Amino acid sequence: ELKCQIMEELRKPGCSEIRDGKVLFHN
């Protein structure tokens, strides 16, 4: 459940942006 939540969170705008098919984490 935690893994599922983290993977979902990592795709959200608060963590990352999706650009050209890539997931780019706000670092």
PDB file of all heavy atoms in Angstrom:
ATOM      1  N   GLU A   1       0.837  -1.210   0.000  1.00  0.00           N
ATOM      2  CA  GLU A   1       0.000   0.000   0.000  1.00  0.00           C
ATOM      3  C   GLU A   1       0.868   1.256   0.000  1.00  0.00           C
ATOM      4  O   GLU A   1       0.595   2.212  -0.724  1.00  0.00           O
ATOM      5  CB  GLU A   1      -0.924   0.002   1.222  1.00  0.00           C
ATOM      6  CG  GLU A   1      -1.924   1.158   1.191  1.00  0.00           C
ATOM      7  CD  GLU A   1      -2.829   1.201   2.423  1.00  0.00           C
ATOM      8  OE1 GLU A   1      -2.767   0.257   3.235  1.00  0.00           O
ATOM      9  OE2 GLU A   1      -3.565   2.178   2.558  1.00  0.00           O
ATOM     10  N   LEU A   2       1.941   1.245   0.818  1.00  0.00           N
ATOM     11  CA  LEU A   2       2.839   2.395   0.876  1.00  0.00           C
ATOM     12  C   LEU A   2       3.536   2.584  -0.475  1.00  0.00           C
ATOM     13  O   LEU A   2       3.622   3.707  -0.985  1.00  0.00           O
ATOM     14  CB  LEU A   2       3.883   2.206   1.978  1.00  0.00           C
ATOM     15  CG  LEU A   2       4.969   3.300   2.060  1.00  0.00           C
ATOM     16  CD1 LEU A   2       4.351   4.651   2.413  1.00  0.00           C
ATOM     17  CD2 LEU A   2       6.037   2.927   3.096  1.00  0.00           C
ATOM     18  N   LYS A   3       4.003   1.489  -1.057  1.00  0.00           N
ATOM     19  CA  LYS A   3       4.678   1.579  -2.347  1.00  0.00           C
ATOM     20  C   LYS A   3       3.738   2.174  -3.398  1.00  0.00           C
ATOM     21  O   LYS A   3       4.134   3.042  -4.187  1.00  0.00           O
ATOM     22  CB  LYS A   3       5.166   0.201  -2.790  1.00  0.00           C
ATOM     23  CG  LYS A   3       5.964   0.251  -4.092  1.00  0.00           C
ATOM     24  CD  LYS A   3       6.346  -1.126  -4.590  1.00  0.00           C
ATOM     25  CE  LYS A   3       6.986  -1.014  -5.965  1.00  0.00           C
ATOM     26  NZ  LYS A   3       7.262  -2.321  -6.563  1.00  0.00           N
ATOM     27  N   CYS A   4       2.497   1.726  -3.402  1.00  0.00           N
ATOM     28  CA  CYS A   4       1.506   2.223  -4.349  1.00  0.00           C
ATOM     29  C   CYS A   4       1.280   3.724  -4.156  1.00  0.00           C
ATOM     30  O   CYS A   4       1.218   4.494  -5.126  1.00  0.00           O
ATOM     31  CB  CYS A   4       0.200   1.450  -4.161  1.00  0.00           C
ATOM     32  SG  CYS A   4      -1.050   1.854  -5.381  1.00  0.00           S
ATOM     33  N   GLN A   5       1.172   4.146  -2.902  1.00  0.00           N
ATOM     34  CA  GLN A   5       0.955   5.568  -2.595  1.00  0.00           C
ATOM     35  C   GLN A   5       2.146   6.424  -3.048  1.00  0.00           C
ATOM     36  O   GLN A   5       1.965   7.509  -3.618  1.00  0.00           O
ATOM     37  CB  GLN A   5       0.736   5.749  -1.089  1.00  0.00           C
ATOM     38  CG  GLN A   5      -0.591   5.219  -0.593  1.00  0.00           C
ATOM     39  CD  GLN A   5      -0.701   5.259   0.926  1.00  0.00           C
ATOM     40  OE1 GLN A   5       0.302   5.370   1.632  1.00  0.00           O
ATOM     41  NE2 GLN A   5      -1.916   5.143   1.434  1.00  0.00           N
ATOM     42  N   ILE A   6       3.359   5.924  -2.782  1.00  0.00           N
ATOM     43  CA  ILE A   6       4.569   6.666  -3.165  1.00  0.00           C
ATOM     44  C   ILE A   6       4.654   6.797  -4.682  1.00  0.00           C
ATOM     45  O   ILE A   6       4.927   7.889  -5.216  1.00  0.00           O
ATOM     46  CB  ILE A   6       5.840   5.962  -2.611  1.00  0.00           C
ATOM     47  CG1 ILE A   6       5.877   6.004  -1.085  1.00  0.00           C
ATOM     48  CG2 ILE A   6       7.099   6.603  -3.203  1.00  0.00           C
ATOM     49  CD1 ILE A   6       6.043   7.369  -0.468  1.00  0.00           C
ATOM     50  N   MET A   7       4.425   5.712  -5.384  1.00  0.00           N
ATOM     51  CA  MET A   7       4.515   5.742  -6.843  1.00  0.00           C
ATOM     52  C   MET A   7       3.491   6.719  -7.428  1.00  0.00           C
ATOM     53  O   MET A   7       3.776   7.440  -8.385  1.00  0.00           O
ATOM     54  CB  MET A   7       4.289   4.335  -7.428  1.00  0.00           C
ATOM     55  CG  MET A   7       5.297   3.294  -6.956  1.00  0.00           C
ATOM     56  SD  MET A   7       7.017   3.782  -7.183  1.00  0.00           S
ATOM     57  CE  MET A   7       7.196   3.612  -8.954  1.00  0.00           C
ATOM     58  N   GLU A   8       2.329   6.752  -6.822  1.00  0.00           N
ATOM     59  CA  GLU A   8       1.278   7.672  -7.274  1.00  0.00           C
ATOM     60  C   GLU A   8       1.676   9.118  -6.971  1.00  0.00           C
ATOM     61  O   GLU A   8       1.525  10.006  -7.815  1.00  0.00           O
ATOM     62  CB  GLU A   8      -0.037   7.311  -6.570  1.00  0.00           C
ATOM     63  CG  GLU A   8      -1.255   8.040  -7.120  1.00  0.00           C
ATOM     64  CD  GLU A   8      -2.543   7.610  -6.422  1.00  0.00           C
ATOM     65  OE1 GLU A   8      -2.687   6.404  -6.138  1.00  0.00           O
ATOM     66  OE2 GLU A   8      -3.376   8.488  -6.167  1.00  0.00           O
ATOM     67  N   GLU A   9       2.209   9.323  -5.769  1.00  0.00           N
ATOM     68  CA  GLU A   9       2.613  10.677  -5.354  1.00  0.00           C
ATOM     69  C   GLU A   9       3.715  11.228  -6.254  1.00  0.00           C
ATOM     70  O   GLU A   9       3.735  12.413  -6.594  1.00  0.00           O
ATOM     71  CB  GLU A   9       3.096  10.637  -3.899  1.00  0.00           C
ATOM     72  CG  GLU A   9       3.250  12.005  -3.248  1.00  0.00           C
ATOM     73  CD  GLU A   9       1.921  12.694  -3.019  1.00  0.00           C
ATOM     74  OE1 GLU A   9       0.970  12.033  -2.577  1.00  0.00           O
ATOM     75  OE2 GLU A   9       1.838  13.912  -3.296  1.00  0.00           O
ATOM     76  N   LEU A  10       4.660  10.364  -6.621  1.00  0.00           N
ATOM     77  CA  LEU A  10       5.804  10.801  -7.424  1.00  0.00           C
ATOM     78  C   LEU A  10       5.399  11.322  -8.800  1.00  0.00           C
ATOM     79  O   LEU A  10       6.135  12.081  -9.427  1.00  0.00           O
ATOM     80  CB  LEU A  10       6.805   9.649  -7.584  1.00  0.00           C
ATOM     81  CG  LEU A  10       7.654   9.326  -6.358  1.00  0.00           C
ATOM     82  CD1 LEU A  10       8.460   8.057  -6.576  1.00  0.00           C
ATOM     83  CD2 LEU A  10       8.581  10.493  -6.012  1.00  0.00           C
ATOM     84  N   ARG A  11       4.218  10.934  -9.262  1.00  0.00           N
ATOM     85  CA  ARG A  11       3.742  11.393 -10.571  1.00  0.00           C
ATOM     86  C   ARG A  11       2.968  12.716 -10.472  1.00  0.00           C
ATOM     87  O   ARG A  11       2.713  13.359 -11.486  1.00  0.00           O
ATOM     88  CB  ARG A  11       2.824  10.345 -11.196  1.00  0.00           C
ATOM     89  CG  ARG A  11       3.554   9.159 -11.822  1.00  0.00           C
ATOM     90  CD  ARG A  11       2.551   8.259 -12.519  1.00  0.00           C
ATOM     91  NE  ARG A  11       3.205   7.193 -13.272  1.00  0.00           N
ATOM     92  CZ  ARG A  11       3.644   7.326 -14.519  1.00  0.00           C
ATOM     93  NH1 ARG A  11       3.517   8.471 -15.151  1.00  0.00           N
ATOM     94  NH2 ARG A  11       4.220   6.299 -15.134  1.00  0.00           N
ATOM     95  N   LYS A  12       2.577  13.088  -9.254  1.00  0.00           N
ATOM     96  CA  LYS A  12       1.732  14.281  -9.083  1.00  0.00           C
ATOM     97  C   LYS A  12       2.548  15.565  -9.247  1.00  0.00           C
ATOM     98  O   LYS A  12       3.767  15.582  -9.027  1.00  0.00           O
ATOM     99  CB  LYS A  12       1.064  14.251  -7.707  1.00  0.00           C
ATOM    100  CG  LYS A  12      -0.001  13.168  -7.567  1.00  0.00           C
ATOM    101  CD  LYS A  12      -0.628  13.213  -6.187  1.00  0.00           C
ATOM    102  CE  LYS A  12      -1.695  12.149  -6.008  1.00  0.00           C
ATOM    103  NZ  LYS A  12      -2.253  12.165  -4.636  1.00  0.00           N
ATOM    104  N   PRO A  13       1.864  16.689  -9.606  1.00  0.00           N
ATOM    105  CA  PRO A  13       2.559  17.969  -9.824  1.00  0.00           C
ATOM    106  C   PRO A  13       3.362  18.458  -8.622  1.00  0.00           C
ATOM    107  O   PRO A  13       4.343  19.171  -8.782  1.00  0.00           O
ATOM    108  CB  PRO A  13       1.404  18.937 -10.138  1.00  0.00           C
ATOM    109  CG  PRO A  13       0.319  18.065 -10.675  1.00  0.00           C
ATOM    110  CD  PRO A  13       0.431  16.771  -9.937  1.00  0.00           C
ATOM    111  N   GLY A  14       2.972  18.071  -7.403  1.00  0.00           N
ATOM    112  CA  GLY A  14       3.719  18.494  -6.226  1.00  0.00           C
ATOM    113  C   GLY A  14       5.122  17.915  -6.169  1.00  0.00           C
ATOM    114  O   GLY A  14       6.018  18.474  -5.549  1.00  0.00           O
ATOM    115  N   CYS A  15       5.307  16.759  -6.845  1.00  0.00           N
ATOM    116  CA  CYS A  15       6.610  16.091  -6.841  1.00  0.00           C
ATOM    117  C   CYS A  15       7.330  16.205  -8.180  1.00  0.00           C
ATOM    118  O   CYS A  15       8.548  16.377  -8.216  1.00  0.00           O
ATOM    119  CB  CYS A  15       6.444  14.612  -6.504  1.00  0.00           C
ATOM    120  SG  CYS A  15       6.348  14.260  -4.742  1.00  0.00           S
ATOM    121  N   SER A  16       6.583  16.060  -9.262  1.00  0.00           N
ATOM    122  CA  SER A  16       7.229  15.931 -10.573  1.00  0.00           C
ATOM    123  C   SER A  16       6.400  16.598 -11.663  1.00  0.00           C
ATOM    124  O   SER A  16       5.259  17.021 -11.438  1.00  0.00           O
ATOM    125  CB  SER A  16       7.412  14.451 -10.938  1.00  0.00           C
ATOM    126  OG  SER A  16       8.095  13.746  -9.925  1.00  0.00           O
ATOM    127  N   GLU A  17       6.988  16.660 -12.831  1.00  0.00           N
ATOM    128  CA  GLU A  17       6.234  17.034 -14.024  1.00  0.00           C
ATOM    129  C   GLU A  17       6.501  15.989 -15.102  1.00  0.00           C
ATOM    130  O   GLU A  17       7.579  15.384 -15.145  1.00  0.00           O
ATOM    131  CB  GLU A  17       6.612  18.432 -14.517  1.00  0.00           C
ATOM    132  CG  GLU A  17       8.026  18.578 -15.037  1.00  0.00           C
ATOM    133  CD  GLU A  17       8.291  19.979 -15.587  1.00  0.00           C
ATOM    134  OE1 GLU A  17       8.688  20.849 -14.784  1.00  0.00           O
ATOM    135  OE2 GLU A  17       8.105  20.182 -16.797  1.00  0.00           O
ATOM    136  N   ILE A  18       5.483  15.757 -15.922  1.00  0.00           N
ATOM    137  CA  ILE A  18       5.624  14.804 -17.023  1.00  0.00           C
ATOM    138  C   ILE A  18       5.947  15.616 -18.279  1.00  0.00           C
ATOM    139  O   ILE A  18       5.191  16.508 -18.653  1.00  0.00           O
ATOM    140  CB  ILE A  18       4.324  14.006 -17.257  1.00  0.00           C
ATOM    141  CG1 ILE A  18       3.754  13.492 -15.936  1.00  0.00           C
ATOM    142  CG2 ILE A  18       4.574  12.877 -18.240  1.00  0.00           C
ATOM    143  CD1 ILE A  18       4.579  12.470 -15.216  1.00  0.00           C
ATOM    144  N   ARG A  19       7.100  15.317 -18.879  1.00  0.00           N
ATOM    145  CA  ARG A  19       7.512  16.063 -20.075  1.00  0.00           C
ATOM    146  C   ARG A  19       8.139  15.102 -21.086  1.00  0.00           C
ATOM    147  O   ARG A  19       9.067  14.370 -20.748  1.00  0.00           O
ATOM    148  CB  ARG A  19       8.507  17.154 -19.696  1.00  0.00           C
ATOM    149  CG  ARG A  19       8.749  18.191 -20.809  1.00  0.00           C
ATOM    150  CD  ARG A  19       9.983  19.024 -20.541  1.00  0.00           C
ATOM    151  NE  ARG A  19      10.009  19.616 -19.221  1.00  0.00           N
ATOM    152  CZ  ARG A  19      11.142  20.038 -18.630  1.00  0.00           C
ATOM    153  NH1 ARG A  19      12.314  19.905 -19.243  1.00  0.00           N
ATOM    154  NH2 ARG A  19      11.106  20.576 -17.425  1.00  0.00           N
ATOM    155  N   ASP A  20       7.616  15.127 -22.311  1.00  0.00           N
ATOM    156  CA  ASP A  20       8.120  14.252 -23.384  1.00  0.00           C
ATOM    157  C   ASP A  20       8.166  12.786 -22.951  1.00  0.00           C
ATOM    158  O   ASP A  20       9.121  12.050 -23.246  1.00  0.00           O
ATOM    159  CB  ASP A  20       9.531  14.701 -23.831  1.00  0.00           C
ATOM    160  CG  ASP A  20       9.543  16.122 -24.363  1.00  0.00           C
ATOM    161  OD1 ASP A  20       8.532  16.529 -24.963  1.00  0.00           O
ATOM    162  OD2 ASP A  20      10.558  16.817 -24.160  1.00  0.00           O
ATOM    163  N   GLY A  21       7.135  12.392 -22.212  1.00  0.00           N
ATOM    164  CA  GLY A  21       7.061  10.996 -21.786  1.00  0.00           C
ATOM    165  C   GLY A  21       7.947  10.648 -20.608  1.00  0.00           C
ATOM    166  O   GLY A  21       7.997   9.491 -20.183  1.00  0.00           O
ATOM    167  N   LYS A  22       8.652  11.635 -20.066  1.00  0.00           N
ATOM    168  CA  LYS A  22       9.538  11.399 -18.922  1.00  0.00           C
ATOM    169  C   LYS A  22       8.936  11.976 -17.642  1.00  0.00           C
ATOM    170  O   LYS A  22       8.221  12.976 -17.687  1.00  0.00           O
ATOM    171  CB  LYS A  22      10.910  12.030 -19.168  1.00  0.00           C
ATOM    172  CG  LYS A  22      11.689  11.375 -20.301  1.00  0.00           C
ATOM    173  CD  LYS A  22      13.042  12.030 -20.467  1.00  0.00           C
ATOM    174  CE  LYS A  22      13.850  11.339 -21.562  1.00  0.00           C
ATOM    175  NZ  LYS A  22      15.174  11.965 -21.755  1.00  0.00           N
ATOM    176  N   VAL A  23       9.240  11.333 -16.519  1.00  0.00           N
ATOM    177  CA  VAL A  23       8.821  11.844 -15.209  1.00  0.00           C
ATOM    178  C   VAL A  23      10.022  12.569 -14.601  1.00  0.00           C
ATOM    179  O   VAL A  23      11.044  11.944 -14.285  1.00  0.00           O
ATOM    180  CB  VAL A  23       8.354  10.703 -14.275  1.00  0.00           C
ATOM    181  CG1 VAL A  23       7.828  11.288 -12.963  1.00  0.00           C
ATOM    182  CG2 VAL A  23       7.286   9.850 -14.954  1.00  0.00           C
ATOM    183  N   LEU A  24       9.905  13.896 -14.471  1.00  0.00           N
ATOM    184  CA  LEU A  24      11.016  14.720 -13.980  1.00  0.00           C
ATOM    185  C   LEU A  24      10.700  15.226 -12.572  1.00  0.00           C
ATOM    186  O   LEU A  24       9.817  16.059 -12.379  1.00  0.00           O
ATOM    187  CB  LEU A  24      11.276  15.889 -14.931  1.00  0.00           C
ATOM    188  CG  LEU A  24      11.585  15.498 -16.391  1.00  0.00           C
ATOM    189  CD1 LEU A  24      11.746  16.740 -17.248  1.00  0.00           C
ATOM    190  CD2 LEU A  24      12.838  14.623 -16.462  1.00  0.00           C
ATOM    191  N   PHE A  25      11.415  14.690 -11.616  1.00  0.00           N
ATOM    192  CA  PHE A  25      11.231  15.038 -10.201  1.00  0.00           C
ATOM    193  C   PHE A  25      11.759  16.446  -9.934  1.00  0.00           C
ATOM    194  O   PHE A  25      12.832  16.818 -10.400  1.00  0.00           O
ATOM    195  CB  PHE A  25      11.989  14.018  -9.346  1.00  0.00           C
ATOM    196  CG  PHE A  25      11.807  14.168  -7.862  1.00  0.00           C
ATOM    197  CD1 PHE A  25      10.632  13.782  -7.247  1.00  0.00           C
ATOM    198  CD2 PHE A  25      12.830  14.684  -7.072  1.00  0.00           C
ATOM    199  CE1 PHE A  25      10.472  13.901  -5.875  1.00  0.00           C
ATOM    200  CE2 PHE A  25      12.681  14.812  -5.701  1.00  0.00           C
ATOM    201  CZ  PHE A  25      11.490  14.416  -5.100  1.00  0.00           C
ATOM    202  N   HIS A  26      10.989  17.238  -9.171  1.00  0.00           N
ATOM    203  CA  HIS A  26      11.427  18.593  -8.809  1.00  0.00           C
ATOM    204  C   HIS A  26      12.533  18.490  -7.759  1.00  0.00           C
ATOM    205  O   HIS A  26      12.271  18.227  -6.588  1.00  0.00           O
ATOM    206  CB  HIS A  26      10.254  19.417  -8.242  1.00  0.00           C
ATOM    207  CG  HIS A  26       9.122  19.588  -9.205  1.00  0.00           C
ATOM    208  ND1 HIS A  26       9.300  20.031 -10.489  1.00  0.00           N
ATOM    209  CD2 HIS A  26       7.788  19.372  -9.056  1.00  0.00           C
ATOM    210  CE1 HIS A  26       8.125  20.080 -11.104  1.00  0.00           C
ATOM    211  NE2 HIS A  26       7.198  19.676 -10.269  1.00  0.00           N
ATOM    212  N   ASN A  27      13.759  18.687  -8.204  1.00  0.00           N
ATOM    213  CA  ASN A  27      14.932  18.463  -7.358  1.00  0.00           C
ATOM    214  C   ASN A  27      15.591  19.787  -6.939  1.00  0.00           C
ATOM    215  O   ASN A  27      16.784  19.816  -6.653  1.00  0.00           O
ATOM    216  CB  ASN A  27      15.934  17.595  -8.142  1.00  0.00           C
ATOM    217  CG  ASN A  27      17.065  17.066  -7.286  1.00  0.00           C
ATOM    218  OD1 ASN A  27      16.844  16.595  -6.176  1.00  0.00           O
ATOM    219  ND2 ASN A  27      18.281  17.167  -7.785  1.00  0.00           N
TER     220      ASN A  27
END
